[in-house]
Protein backbone atom coordinates (compact mmCIF):
# COMPACT_ATOMS: atom_id res chain seq x y z
CA UNK A 1 116.82 82.35 100.53
CA UNK A 2 119.67 80.03 101.88
CA UNK A 3 118.60 76.50 103.73
CA UNK A 4 119.95 75.59 107.14
CA UNK A 5 119.54 71.76 108.30
CA UNK A 6 119.20 73.83 112.04
CA UNK A 7 116.05 72.16 114.03
CA UNK A 8 113.73 75.60 114.71
CA UNK A 9 111.36 75.05 117.48
CA UNK A 10 108.93 76.99 118.77
CA UNK A 11 109.12 80.29 121.36
CA UNK A 12 106.57 79.16 124.29
CA UNK A 13 108.19 82.10 126.07
CA UNK A 14 105.32 83.66 127.93
CA UNK A 15 102.71 81.73 127.00
CA UNK A 16 100.48 78.53 127.94
CA UNK A 17 100.69 75.68 125.95
CA UNK A 18 98.19 72.52 126.08
CA UNK A 19 99.34 69.58 124.37
CA UNK A 20 97.85 66.99 123.23
CA UNK A 21 100.15 63.91 123.41
CA UNK A 22 100.31 59.94 121.90
CA UNK A 23 98.08 56.86 123.22
CA UNK A 24 96.44 59.57 125.96
CA UNK A 25 92.58 61.15 125.44
CA UNK A 26 92.94 64.48 128.32
CA UNK A 27 95.41 66.90 127.68
CA UNK A 28 99.02 68.08 129.36
CA UNK A 29 99.17 71.98 129.90
CA UNK A 30 102.39 73.78 130.44
CA UNK A 31 102.80 77.49 131.51
CA UNK A 32 106.03 79.49 129.91
CA UNK A 33 107.38 75.95 128.64
CA UNK A 34 110.95 75.80 127.04
CA UNK A 35 113.01 72.82 125.57
CA UNK A 36 115.46 70.74 126.92
CA UNK A 37 117.55 67.72 126.60
CA UNK A 38 117.05 65.09 129.58
CA UNK A 39 118.64 61.78 128.76
CA UNK A 40 119.16 62.42 125.24
CA UNK A 41 115.55 62.76 124.41
CA UNK A 42 114.30 66.33 123.89
CA UNK A 43 111.41 67.74 126.47
CA UNK A 44 109.05 70.66 126.78
CA UNK A 45 109.19 72.26 130.63
CA UNK A 46 107.24 74.19 132.31
CA UNK A 47 105.05 74.30 135.18
CA UNK A 48 101.63 73.46 135.53
CA UNK A 49 98.85 76.34 135.47
CA UNK A 50 96.14 77.16 137.34
CA UNK A 51 93.15 74.67 136.31
CA UNK A 52 94.96 72.66 134.48
CA UNK A 53 93.95 69.33 137.05
CA UNK A 54 90.91 68.80 139.23
CA UNK A 55 91.17 70.29 142.83
CA UNK A 56 94.45 72.05 141.21
CA UNK A 57 96.56 69.69 142.96
CA UNK A 58 99.42 70.02 140.92
CA UNK A 59 99.01 73.78 139.77
CA UNK A 60 102.33 75.75 139.73
CA UNK A 61 104.35 71.70 139.66
CA UNK A 62 107.56 71.11 137.01
CA UNK A 63 106.31 69.28 134.66
CA UNK A 64 108.42 67.62 131.75
CA UNK A 65 106.46 66.42 128.04
CA UNK A 66 108.69 64.09 125.95
CA UNK A 67 108.59 66.18 122.46
CA UNK A 68 108.43 63.05 120.48
CA UNK A 69 104.87 62.01 122.53
CA UNK A 70 103.31 65.78 121.09
CA UNK A 71 101.04 65.19 118.48
CA UNK A 72 99.58 68.76 118.28
CA UNK A 73 99.07 71.82 120.43
CA UNK A 74 97.48 74.70 121.23
CA UNK A 75 99.04 78.25 122.05
CA UNK A 76 97.51 80.51 124.67
CA UNK A 77 98.57 84.12 124.90
CA UNK A 78 98.94 84.27 129.00
CA UNK A 79 98.27 82.07 131.47
CA UNK A 80 95.27 83.95 132.68
CA UNK A 81 93.86 83.41 128.50
CA UNK A 82 93.97 79.93 129.30
CA UNK A 83 92.14 80.20 132.94
CA UNK A 84 89.29 81.89 130.80
CA UNK A 85 89.34 78.83 128.13
CA UNK A 86 89.51 75.98 131.07
CA UNK A 87 86.38 78.13 132.55
CA UNK A 88 84.71 78.61 128.94
CA UNK A 89 85.06 74.34 128.57
CA UNK A 90 83.67 73.40 132.04
CA UNK A 91 80.83 75.70 131.79
CA UNK A 92 80.03 74.59 128.14
CA UNK A 93 80.32 70.79 130.14
CA UNK A 94 78.14 71.24 132.80
CA UNK A 95 75.45 73.22 130.76
CA UNK A 96 75.64 70.07 128.49
CA UNK A 97 75.35 67.56 131.39
CA UNK A 98 71.96 69.61 132.82
CA UNK A 99 70.60 69.33 129.11
CA UNK A 100 71.33 65.26 128.83
CA UNK A 101 69.79 65.35 132.47
CA UNK A 102 66.49 66.24 131.73
């Protein structure tokens, strides 16, 4: 099998992706992200999904993440799958907060 020097990037088409970034505690989430060069740097550009921010103030806005800041990421099959996972996480946090108050 021949080797290639061509860089291959993941195909996130139709997916929702939660990115962990260097020196940040919170994740950055994008729906249907695509790779794009801007100012000589590689970015992942997509829309902010429902549930990604408190009060959804940024839902559907375009956002870009510098690829060289990405530490790891989780790929959800769809924005609906991301929303369901977010709900599970929020329910877990609420249950743990309530038990810590008791």
